[in-house]
All heavy atoms as atom14 arrays in JSON, in Angstrom:
{
  "sequence": "RLSTGLAPRLSLDAMLAEIRSSTGIMLDLKGNDRALAAAVIAAIER",
  "atom14_mask": [
    [1, 1, 1, 1, 1, 1, 1, 1, 1, 1, 1, 0, 0, 0],
    [1, 1, 1, 1, 1, 1, 1, 1, 0, 0, 0, 0, 0, 0],
    [1, 1, 1, 1, 1, 1, 0, 0, 0, 0, 0, 0, 0, 0],
    [1, 1, 1, 1, 1, 1, 1, 0, 0, 0, 0, 0, 0, 0],
    [1, 1, 1, 1, 0, 0, 0, 0, 0, 0, 0, 0, 0, 0],
    [1, 1, 1, 1, 1, 1, 1, 1, 0, 0, 0, 0, 0, 0],
    [1, 1, 1, 1, 1, 0, 0, 0, 0, 0, 0, 0, 0, 0],
    [1, 1, 1, 1, 1, 1, 1, 0, 0, 0, 0, 0, 0, 0],
    [1, 1, 1, 1, 1, 1, 1, 1, 1, 1, 1, 0, 0, 0],
    [1, 1, 1, 1, 1, 1, 1, 1, 0, 0, 0, 0, 0, 0],
    [1, 1, 1, 1, 1, 1, 0, 0, 0, 0, 0, 0, 0, 0],
    [1, 1, 1, 1, 1, 1, 1, 1, 0, 0, 0, 0, 0, 0],
    [1, 1, 1, 1, 1, 1, 1, 1, 0, 0, 0, 0, 0, 0],
    [1, 1, 1, 1, 1, 0, 0, 0, 0, 0, 0, 0, 0, 0],
    [1, 1, 1, 1, 1, 1, 1, 1, 0, 0, 0, 0, 0, 0],
    [1, 1, 1, 1, 1, 1, 1, 1, 0, 0, 0, 0, 0, 0],
    [1, 1, 1, 1, 1, 0, 0, 0, 0, 0, 0, 0, 0, 0],
    [1, 1, 1, 1, 1, 1, 1, 1, 1, 0, 0, 0, 0, 0],
    [1, 1, 1, 1, 1, 1, 1, 1, 0, 0, 0, 0, 0, 0],
    [1, 1, 1, 1, 1, 1, 1, 1, 1, 1, 1, 0, 0, 0],
    [1, 1, 1, 1, 1, 1, 0, 0, 0, 0, 0, 0, 0, 0],
    [1, 1, 1, 1, 1, 1, 0, 0, 0, 0, 0, 0, 0, 0],
    [1, 1, 1, 1, 1, 1, 1, 0, 0, 0, 0, 0, 0, 0],
    [1, 1, 1, 1, 0, 0, 0, 0, 0, 0, 0, 0, 0, 0],
    [1, 1, 1, 1, 1, 1, 1, 1, 0, 0, 0, 0, 0, 0],
    [1, 1, 1, 1, 1, 1, 1, 1, 0, 0, 0, 0, 0, 0],
    [1, 1, 1, 1, 1, 1, 1, 1, 0, 0, 0, 0, 0, 0],
    [1, 1, 1, 1, 1, 1, 1, 1, 0, 0, 0, 0, 0, 0],
    [1, 1, 1, 1, 1, 1, 1, 1, 0, 0, 0, 0, 0, 0],
    [1, 1, 1, 1, 1, 1, 1, 1, 1, 0, 0, 0, 0, 0],
    [1, 1, 1, 1, 0, 0, 0, 0, 0, 0, 0, 0, 0, 0],
    [1, 1, 1, 1, 1, 1, 1, 1, 0, 0, 0, 0, 0, 0],
    [1, 1, 1, 1, 1, 1, 1, 1, 0, 0, 0, 0, 0, 0],
    [1, 1, 1, 1, 1, 1, 1, 1, 1, 1, 1, 0, 0, 0],
    [1, 1, 1, 1, 1, 0, 0, 0, 0, 0, 0, 0, 0, 0],
    [1, 1, 1, 1, 1, 1, 1, 1, 0, 0, 0, 0, 0, 0],
    [1, 1, 1, 1, 1, 0, 0, 0, 0, 0, 0, 0, 0, 0],
    [1, 1, 1, 1, 1, 0, 0, 0, 0, 0, 0, 0, 0, 0],
    [1, 1, 1, 1, 1, 0, 0, 0, 0, 0, 0, 0, 0, 0],
    [1, 1, 1, 1, 1, 1, 1, 0, 0, 0, 0, 0, 0, 0],
    [1, 1, 1, 1, 1, 1, 1, 1, 0, 0, 0, 0, 0, 0],
    [1, 1, 1, 1, 1, 0, 0, 0, 0, 0, 0, 0, 0, 0],
    [1, 1, 1, 1, 1, 0, 0, 0, 0, 0, 0, 0, 0, 0],
    [1, 1, 1, 1, 1, 1, 1, 1, 0, 0, 0, 0, 0, 0],
    [1, 1, 1, 1, 1, 1, 1, 1, 1, 0, 0, 0, 0, 0],
    [1, 1, 1, 1, 1, 1, 1, 1, 1, 1, 1, 0, 0, 0]
  ],
  "atom14_positions": [
    [[8.78, 1.43, -10.71], [9.84, 0.54, -10.08], [9.67, -0.9, -10.72], [8.59, -1.29, -10.98], [9.67, 0.44, -8.59], [10.61, -0.37, -7.86], [10.42, -0.48, -6.48], [11.16, -1.6, -5.8], [11.03, -1.97, -4.6], [10.14, -1.46, -3.81], [11.95, -2.97, -4.04], [0.0, 0.0, 0.0], [0.0, 0.0, 0.0], [0.0, 0.0, 0.0]],
    [[10.77, -1.43, -11.05], [10.87, -2.76, -11.5], [11.77, -3.54, -10.58], [12.89, -3.05, -10.11], [11.4, -2.79, -12.91], [10.44, -2.39, -14.06], [11.22, -2.48, -15.36], [9.27, -3.49, -14.16], [0.0, 0.0, 0.0], [0.0, 0.0, 0.0], [0.0, 0.0, 0.0], [0.0, 0.0, 0.0], [0.0, 0.0, 0.0], [0.0, 0.0, 0.0]],
    [[11.48, -4.72, -10.35], [12.34, -5.56, -9.53], [12.31, -7.05, -9.97], [11.27, -7.5, -10.65], [11.75, -5.55, -8.02], [12.68, -6.44, -7.22], [0.0, 0.0, 0.0], [0.0, 0.0, 0.0], [0.0, 0.0, 0.0], [0.0, 0.0, 0.0], [0.0, 0.0, 0.0], [0.0, 0.0, 0.0], [0.0, 0.0, 0.0], [0.0, 0.0, 0.0]],
    [[13.36, -7.78, -9.72], [13.31, -9.19, -10.1], [12.28, -10.02, -9.18], [12.03, -9.74, -8.06], [14.74, -9.84, -9.94], [14.65, -11.28, -10.23], [15.24, -9.65, -8.5], [0.0, 0.0, 0.0], [0.0, 0.0, 0.0], [0.0, 0.0, 0.0], [0.0, 0.0, 0.0], [0.0, 0.0, 0.0], [0.0, 0.0, 0.0], [0.0, 0.0, 0.0]],
    [[11.69, -10.95, -9.85], [10.74, -11.8, -9.23], [11.31, -13.04, -8.72], [10.63, -13.92, -8.19], [0.0, 0.0, 0.0], [0.0, 0.0, 0.0], [0.0, 0.0, 0.0], [0.0, 0.0, 0.0], [0.0, 0.0, 0.0], [0.0, 0.0, 0.0], [0.0, 0.0, 0.0], [0.0, 0.0, 0.0], [0.0, 0.0, 0.0], [0.0, 0.0, 0.0]],
    [[12.68, -13.15, -8.91], [13.29, -14.43, -8.65], [13.85, -14.45, -7.19], [14.19, -15.56, -6.7], [14.47, -14.72, -9.54], [14.08, -14.88, -11.07], [15.38, -15.02, -11.9], [13.22, -15.92, -11.23], [0.0, 0.0, 0.0], [0.0, 0.0, 0.0], [0.0, 0.0, 0.0], [0.0, 0.0, 0.0], [0.0, 0.0, 0.0], [0.0, 0.0, 0.0]],
    [[13.94, -13.28, -6.59], [14.37, -13.22, -5.26], [13.45, -13.73, -4.3], [12.31, -13.88, -4.49], [14.85, -11.8, -4.86], [0.0, 0.0, 0.0], [0.0, 0.0, 0.0], [0.0, 0.0, 0.0], [0.0, 0.0, 0.0], [0.0, 0.0, 0.0], [0.0, 0.0, 0.0], [0.0, 0.0, 0.0], [0.0, 0.0, 0.0], [0.0, 0.0, 0.0]],
    [[13.83, -14.37, -3.09], [12.99, -14.85, -2.1], [11.98, -13.83, -1.74], [12.25, -12.66, -1.53], [13.91, -15.22, -0.84], [15.29, -15.34, -1.44], [15.37, -14.39, -2.61], [0.0, 0.0, 0.0], [0.0, 0.0, 0.0], [0.0, 0.0, 0.0], [0.0, 0.0, 0.0], [0.0, 0.0, 0.0], [0.0, 0.0, 0.0], [0.0, 0.0, 0.0]],
    [[10.71, -14.17, -1.53], [9.67, -13.32, -1.15], [9.12, -13.64, 0.26], [9.11, -14.69, 0.69], [8.45, -13.43, -2.13], [8.9, -13.32, -3.59], [7.65, -13.35, -4.52], [8.13, -13.43, -5.97], [7.2, -13.51, -6.9], [5.82, -13.57, -6.78], [7.66, -13.64, -8.17], [0.0, 0.0, 0.0], [0.0, 0.0, 0.0], [0.0, 0.0, 0.0]],
    [[8.65, -12.44, 0.94], [8.26, -12.62, 2.25], [6.9, -13.28, 2.3], [5.94, -12.81, 1.75], [8.25, -11.28, 2.9], [7.73, -11.03, 4.35], [8.7, -11.84, 5.38], [7.69, -9.59, 4.75], [0.0, 0.0, 0.0], [0.0, 0.0, 0.0], [0.0, 0.0, 0.0], [0.0, 0.0, 0.0], [0.0, 0.0, 0.0], [0.0, 0.0, 0.0]],
    [[6.77, -14.29, 3.19], [5.42, -14.87, 3.33], [4.71, -14.24, 4.48], [5.29, -13.62, 5.39], [5.62, -16.36, 3.64], [6.1, -16.62, 4.95], [0.0, 0.0, 0.0], [0.0, 0.0, 0.0], [0.0, 0.0, 0.0], [0.0, 0.0, 0.0], [0.0, 0.0, 0.0], [0.0, 0.0, 0.0], [0.0, 0.0, 0.0], [0.0, 0.0, 0.0]],
    [[3.38, -14.34, 4.53], [2.63, -13.77, 5.55], [3.0, -14.38, 6.97], [3.02, -13.82, 7.97], [1.04, -13.93, 5.37], [0.18, -13.43, 6.37], [0.41, -12.0, 6.76], [-1.4, -13.71, 6.04], [0.0, 0.0, 0.0], [0.0, 0.0, 0.0], [0.0, 0.0, 0.0], [0.0, 0.0, 0.0], [0.0, 0.0, 0.0], [0.0, 0.0, 0.0]],
    [[3.14, -15.8, 6.93], [3.45, -16.48, 8.27], [4.82, -15.98, 8.66], [4.95, -15.87, 9.88], [3.55, -18.03, 7.92], [2.22, -18.58, 7.93], [1.17, -18.04, 8.33], [2.17, -19.68, 7.4], [0.0, 0.0, 0.0], [0.0, 0.0, 0.0], [0.0, 0.0, 0.0], [0.0, 0.0, 0.0], [0.0, 0.0, 0.0], [0.0, 0.0, 0.0]],
    [[5.83, -15.7, 7.83], [7.08, -15.22, 8.21], [6.97, -13.82, 8.84], [7.64, -13.53, 9.8], [8.11, -15.25, 7.05], [0.0, 0.0, 0.0], [0.0, 0.0, 0.0], [0.0, 0.0, 0.0], [0.0, 0.0, 0.0], [0.0, 0.0, 0.0], [0.0, 0.0, 0.0], [0.0, 0.0, 0.0], [0.0, 0.0, 0.0], [0.0, 0.0, 0.0]],
    [[6.23, -13.04, 8.2], [5.99, -11.6, 8.79], [5.33, -11.7, 10.2], [5.75, -11.0, 11.07], [5.11, -10.91, 7.72], [4.9, -9.37, 8.22], [3.48, -9.16, 9.38], [2.18, -9.29, 8.1], [0.0, 0.0, 0.0], [0.0, 0.0, 0.0], [0.0, 0.0, 0.0], [0.0, 0.0, 0.0], [0.0, 0.0, 0.0], [0.0, 0.0, 0.0]],
    [[4.31, -12.55, 10.21], [3.64, -12.62, 11.61], [4.62, -13.16, 12.68], [4.47, -12.79, 13.94], [2.46, -13.5, 11.43], [1.27, -13.01, 10.58], [0.16, -14.02, 10.47], [0.72, -11.63, 11.2], [0.0, 0.0, 0.0], [0.0, 0.0, 0.0], [0.0, 0.0, 0.0], [0.0, 0.0, 0.0], [0.0, 0.0, 0.0], [0.0, 0.0, 0.0]],
    [[5.53, -14.06, 12.27], [6.39, -14.65, 13.21], [7.43, -13.57, 13.72], [8.01, -13.65, 14.76], [7.23, -15.75, 12.6], [0.0, 0.0, 0.0], [0.0, 0.0, 0.0], [0.0, 0.0, 0.0], [0.0, 0.0, 0.0], [0.0, 0.0, 0.0], [0.0, 0.0, 0.0], [0.0, 0.0, 0.0], [0.0, 0.0, 0.0], [0.0, 0.0, 0.0]],
    [[7.71, -12.59, 12.86], [8.79, -11.57, 13.07], [8.26, -10.38, 14.12], [8.95, -9.9, 14.91], [9.18, -10.89, 11.93], [10.33, -9.91, 11.97], [11.68, -10.52, 12.35], [11.72, -11.79, 12.19], [12.61, -9.81, 12.9], [0.0, 0.0, 0.0], [0.0, 0.0, 0.0], [0.0, 0.0, 0.0], [0.0, 0.0, 0.0], [0.0, 0.0, 0.0]],
    [[7.03, -10.09, 14.03], [6.41, -8.91, 14.77], [6.13, -9.45, 16.23], [5.71, -10.57, 16.43], [5.29, -8.23, 14.06], [4.04, -9.16, 14.02], [5.72, -7.73, 12.73], [2.93, -8.47, 13.32], [0.0, 0.0, 0.0], [0.0, 0.0, 0.0], [0.0, 0.0, 0.0], [0.0, 0.0, 0.0], [0.0, 0.0, 0.0], [0.0, 0.0, 0.0]],
    [[6.06, -8.5, 17.1], [5.65, -8.81, 18.49], [4.29, -9.3, 18.54], [3.41, -8.93, 17.81], [5.87, -7.54, 19.38], [7.18, -6.95, 19.45], [7.11, -5.6, 20.17], [8.36, -4.89, 20.08], [8.57, -3.64, 20.38], [7.45, -2.84, 20.69], [9.7, -3.06, 20.31], [0.0, 0.0, 0.0], [0.0, 0.0, 0.0], [0.0, 0.0, 0.0]],
    [[3.93, -10.17, 19.6], [2.64, -10.7, 19.61], [1.61, -9.6, 20.05], [0.38, -9.88, 19.75], [2.52, -11.68, 20.82], [3.15, -11.17, 22.04], [0.0, 0.0, 0.0], [0.0, 0.0, 0.0], [0.0, 0.0, 0.0], [0.0, 0.0, 0.0], [0.0, 0.0, 0.0], [0.0, 0.0, 0.0], [0.0, 0.0, 0.0], [0.0, 0.0, 0.0]],
    [[2.01, -8.45, 20.63], [1.14, -7.42, 20.94], [0.97, -6.26, 19.74], [0.06, -5.49, 19.96], [1.55, -6.61, 22.15], [2.95, -6.11, 21.91], [0.0, 0.0, 0.0], [0.0, 0.0, 0.0], [0.0, 0.0, 0.0], [0.0, 0.0, 0.0], [0.0, 0.0, 0.0], [0.0, 0.0, 0.0], [0.0, 0.0, 0.0], [0.0, 0.0, 0.0]],
    [[1.72, -6.55, 18.7], [1.64, -5.57, 17.66], [0.45, -5.64, 16.78], [0.21, -6.79, 16.29], [2.96, -5.61, 16.73], [4.18, -5.37, 17.62], [2.98, -4.57, 15.64], [0.0, 0.0, 0.0], [0.0, 0.0, 0.0], [0.0, 0.0, 0.0], [0.0, 0.0, 0.0], [0.0, 0.0, 0.0], [0.0, 0.0, 0.0], [0.0, 0.0, 0.0]],
    [[-0.24, -4.53, 16.56], [-1.38, -4.66, 15.74], [-1.12, -4.62, 14.23], [-0.06, -4.03, 13.87], [0.0, 0.0, 0.0], [0.0, 0.0, 0.0], [0.0, 0.0, 0.0], [0.0, 0.0, 0.0], [0.0, 0.0, 0.0], [0.0, 0.0, 0.0], [0.0, 0.0, 0.0], [0.0, 0.0, 0.0], [0.0, 0.0, 0.0], [0.0, 0.0, 0.0]],
    [[-1.73, -5.35, 13.33], [-1.45, -5.32, 11.93], [-2.67, -4.99, 11.11], [-3.93, -5.23, 11.59], [-0.95, -6.73, 11.47], [-2.05, -7.87, 11.97], [0.33, -7.01, 11.95], [-1.69, -9.15, 11.33], [0.0, 0.0, 0.0], [0.0, 0.0, 0.0], [0.0, 0.0, 0.0], [0.0, 0.0, 0.0], [0.0, 0.0, 0.0], [0.0, 0.0, 0.0]],
    [[-2.51, -4.33, 10.04], [-3.59, -4.0, 9.07], [-3.14, -4.82, 7.67], [-2.1, -4.39, 7.19], [-3.72, -2.54, 8.77], [-4.73, -2.26, 7.64], [-4.87, -0.45, 7.3], [-6.1, 0.01, 8.66], [0.0, 0.0, 0.0], [0.0, 0.0, 0.0], [0.0, 0.0, 0.0], [0.0, 0.0, 0.0], [0.0, 0.0, 0.0], [0.0, 0.0, 0.0]],
    [[-3.87, -5.71, 7.21], [-3.55, -6.47, 6.05], [-4.37, -5.86, 4.89], [-5.65, -6.09, 4.93], [-3.88, -7.93, 6.34], [-3.15, -8.66, 7.49], [-3.47, -9.98, 7.61], [-1.54, -8.5, 7.37], [0.0, 0.0, 0.0], [0.0, 0.0, 0.0], [0.0, 0.0, 0.0], [0.0, 0.0, 0.0], [0.0, 0.0, 0.0], [0.0, 0.0, 0.0]],
    [[-3.71, -5.35, 3.95], [-4.45, -4.81, 2.78], [-4.49, -5.94, 1.7], [-3.45, -6.27, 1.08], [-3.7, -3.59, 2.22], [-4.3, -2.8, 1.22], [-5.34, -3.2, 0.75], [-3.9, -1.82, 0.7], [0.0, 0.0, 0.0], [0.0, 0.0, 0.0], [0.0, 0.0, 0.0], [0.0, 0.0, 0.0], [0.0, 0.0, 0.0], [0.0, 0.0, 0.0]],
    [[-5.56, -6.47, 1.45], [-5.77, -7.58, 0.6], [-5.7, -7.16, -0.83], [-6.62, -6.26, -1.21], [-7.04, -8.37, 0.87], [-7.27, -8.6, 2.32], [-8.5, -9.5, 2.49], [-6.09, -9.45, 2.81], [0.0, 0.0, 0.0], [0.0, 0.0, 0.0], [0.0, 0.0, 0.0], [0.0, 0.0, 0.0], [0.0, 0.0, 0.0], [0.0, 0.0, 0.0]],
    [[-4.9, -7.66, -1.69], [-4.71, -7.15, -3.06], [-5.11, -8.35, -4.03], [-5.01, -9.5, -3.76], [-3.17, -6.89, -3.24], [-2.56, -5.84, -2.4], [-3.19, -4.48, -2.76], [-2.47, -3.35, -2.03], [-2.99, -1.98, -2.38], [0.0, 0.0, 0.0], [0.0, 0.0, 0.0], [0.0, 0.0, 0.0], [0.0, 0.0, 0.0], [0.0, 0.0, 0.0]],
    [[-5.42, -7.9, -5.26], [-5.81, -8.85, -6.31], [-7.26, -9.36, -6.16], [-8.01, -8.92, -5.3], [0.0, 0.0, 0.0], [0.0, 0.0, 0.0], [0.0, 0.0, 0.0], [0.0, 0.0, 0.0], [0.0, 0.0, 0.0], [0.0, 0.0, 0.0], [0.0, 0.0, 0.0], [0.0, 0.0, 0.0], [0.0, 0.0, 0.0], [0.0, 0.0, 0.0]],
    [[-7.48, -10.43, -7.05], [-8.87, -10.87, -6.97], [-9.0, -12.36, -6.83], [-10.04, -13.01, -7.27], [-9.46, -10.47, -8.42], [-9.52, -8.93, -8.69], [-10.17, -8.29, -7.91], [-8.87, -8.53, -9.7], [0.0, 0.0, 0.0], [0.0, 0.0, 0.0], [0.0, 0.0, 0.0], [0.0, 0.0, 0.0], [0.0, 0.0, 0.0], [0.0, 0.0, 0.0]],
    [[-7.93, -12.87, -6.35], [-7.92, -14.45, -6.18], [-9.04, -14.8, -5.15], [-9.06, -14.26, -3.95], [-6.51, -14.96, -5.68], [-6.4, -16.31, -5.7], [-7.3, -17.21, -5.18], [-5.32, -16.77, -6.36], [0.0, 0.0, 0.0], [0.0, 0.0, 0.0], [0.0, 0.0, 0.0], [0.0, 0.0, 0.0], [0.0, 0.0, 0.0], [0.0, 0.0, 0.0]],
    [[-9.94, -15.61, -5.57], [-10.99, -16.0, -4.67], [-10.57, -16.87, -3.42], [-11.33, -16.87, -2.42], [-12.04, -16.95, -5.42], [-12.73, -16.1, -6.57], [-13.68, -16.96, -7.31], [-14.29, -16.21, -8.39], [-15.18, -16.72, -9.19], [-15.57, -17.94, -9.1], [-15.79, -15.98, -10.23], [0.0, 0.0, 0.0], [0.0, 0.0, 0.0], [0.0, 0.0, 0.0]],
    [[-9.35, -17.33, -3.52], [-8.84, -18.11, -2.25], [-8.14, -17.27, -1.24], [-7.83, -17.71, -0.08], [-7.97, -19.19, -2.78], [0.0, 0.0, 0.0], [0.0, 0.0, 0.0], [0.0, 0.0, 0.0], [0.0, 0.0, 0.0], [0.0, 0.0, 0.0], [0.0, 0.0, 0.0], [0.0, 0.0, 0.0], [0.0, 0.0, 0.0], [0.0, 0.0, 0.0]],
    [[-8.04, -16.03, -1.59], [-7.19, -15.08, -0.71], [-7.82, -14.91, 0.68], [-7.18, -15.05, 1.65], [-6.91, -13.79, -1.4], [-6.2, -12.72, -0.51], [-4.86, -13.25, -0.09], [-6.05, -11.42, -1.27], [0.0, 0.0, 0.0], [0.0, 0.0, 0.0], [0.0, 0.0, 0.0], [0.0, 0.0, 0.0], [0.0, 0.0, 0.0], [0.0, 0.0, 0.0]],
    [[-9.14, -14.59, 0.81], [-9.77, -14.3, 2.05], [-9.72, -15.42, 2.92], [-9.35, -15.33, 4.16], [-11.2, -13.89, 1.74], [0.0, 0.0, 0.0], [0.0, 0.0, 0.0], [0.0, 0.0, 0.0], [0.0, 0.0, 0.0], [0.0, 0.0, 0.0], [0.0, 0.0, 0.0], [0.0, 0.0, 0.0], [0.0, 0.0, 0.0], [0.0, 0.0, 0.0]],
    [[-9.98, -16.77, 2.45], [-10.02, -17.92, 3.35], [-8.68, -18.23, 3.82], [-8.49, -18.54, 4.94], [-10.66, -19.03, 2.52], [0.0, 0.0, 0.0], [0.0, 0.0, 0.0], [0.0, 0.0, 0.0], [0.0, 0.0, 0.0], [0.0, 0.0, 0.0], [0.0, 0.0, 0.0], [0.0, 0.0, 0.0], [0.0, 0.0, 0.0], [0.0, 0.0, 0.0]],
    [[-7.63, -18.03, 2.96], [-6.24, -18.23, 3.36], [-5.73, -17.22, 4.36], [-5.03, -17.67, 5.23], [-5.4, -18.26, 2.13], [0.0, 0.0, 0.0], [0.0, 0.0, 0.0], [0.0, 0.0, 0.0], [0.0, 0.0, 0.0], [0.0, 0.0, 0.0], [0.0, 0.0, 0.0], [0.0, 0.0, 0.0], [0.0, 0.0, 0.0], [0.0, 0.0, 0.0]],
    [[-6.15, -16.06, 4.29], [-5.83, -15.12, 5.35], [-6.52, -15.32, 6.58], [-5.87, -15.36, 7.69], [-6.12, -13.64, 4.85], [-6.08, -12.59, 5.94], [-5.26, -13.15, 3.64], [0.0, 0.0, 0.0], [0.0, 0.0, 0.0], [0.0, 0.0, 0.0], [0.0, 0.0, 0.0], [0.0, 0.0, 0.0], [0.0, 0.0, 0.0], [0.0, 0.0, 0.0]],
    [[-7.76, -15.71, 6.58], [-8.4, -16.07, 7.93], [-7.69, -17.26, 8.57], [-7.49, -17.24, 9.74], [-9.89, -16.37, 7.62], [-10.66, -15.11, 7.17], [-10.47, -17.02, 8.77], [-12.0, -15.35, 6.75], [0.0, 0.0, 0.0], [0.0, 0.0, 0.0], [0.0, 0.0, 0.0], [0.0, 0.0, 0.0], [0.0, 0.0, 0.0], [0.0, 0.0, 0.0]],
    [[-7.29, -18.14, 7.73], [-6.67, -19.39, 8.27], [-5.29, -19.01, 8.89], [-4.89, -19.51, 9.96], [-6.43, -20.44, 7.27], [0.0, 0.0, 0.0], [0.0, 0.0, 0.0], [0.0, 0.0, 0.0], [0.0, 0.0, 0.0], [0.0, 0.0, 0.0], [0.0, 0.0, 0.0], [0.0, 0.0, 0.0], [0.0, 0.0, 0.0], [0.0, 0.0, 0.0]],
    [[-4.51, -18.06, 8.17], [-3.31, -17.64, 8.7], [-3.35, -16.85, 9.99], [-2.65, -17.04, 10.91], [-2.53, -16.9, 7.65], [0.0, 0.0, 0.0], [0.0, 0.0, 0.0], [0.0, 0.0, 0.0], [0.0, 0.0, 0.0], [0.0, 0.0, 0.0], [0.0, 0.0, 0.0], [0.0, 0.0, 0.0], [0.0, 0.0, 0.0], [0.0, 0.0, 0.0]],
    [[-4.42, -16.06, 10.07], [-4.67, -15.21, 11.31], [-4.98, -16.17, 12.39], [-4.53, -16.02, 13.5], [-5.85, -14.31, 11.01], [-5.31, -13.17, 10.09], [-6.32, -13.59, 12.26], [-6.43, -12.18, 9.53], [0.0, 0.0, 0.0], [0.0, 0.0, 0.0], [0.0, 0.0, 0.0], [0.0, 0.0, 0.0], [0.0, 0.0, 0.0], [0.0, 0.0, 0.0]],
    [[-5.86, -17.16, 12.24], [-6.23, -18.09, 13.3], [-5.13, -19.0, 13.65], [-5.09, -19.47, 14.74], [-7.51, -18.96, 12.84], [-8.83, -18.05, 12.6], [-9.96, -18.68, 12.16], [-9.66, -19.82, 11.55], [-11.13, -18.24, 12.21], [0.0, 0.0, 0.0], [0.0, 0.0, 0.0], [0.0, 0.0, 0.0], [0.0, 0.0, 0.0], [0.0, 0.0, 0.0]],
    [[-4.2, -19.14, 12.81], [-3.0, -20.02, 13.06], [-1.96, -19.27, 13.67], [-1.33, -19.78, 14.65], [-2.5, -20.57, 11.79], [-1.27, -21.49, 11.87], [-0.99, -22.14, 10.63], [-0.61, -21.1, 9.54], [-1.29, -20.91, 8.42], [-2.48, -21.55, 8.28], [-0.88, -19.95, 7.56], [0.0, 0.0, 0.0], [0.0, 0.0, 0.0], [0.0, 0.0, 0.0]]
  ]
}
């Protein structure tokens, strides 16, 4: 599959705002960016 990278992309905060507060989530962390884990923890706590 190929897709344009110019279209708006879904942010983690937007996704968390959409789902019910009681819905459980599993976040599959992708890539090797060293800042990813800390940013995800901050988003979860926020």
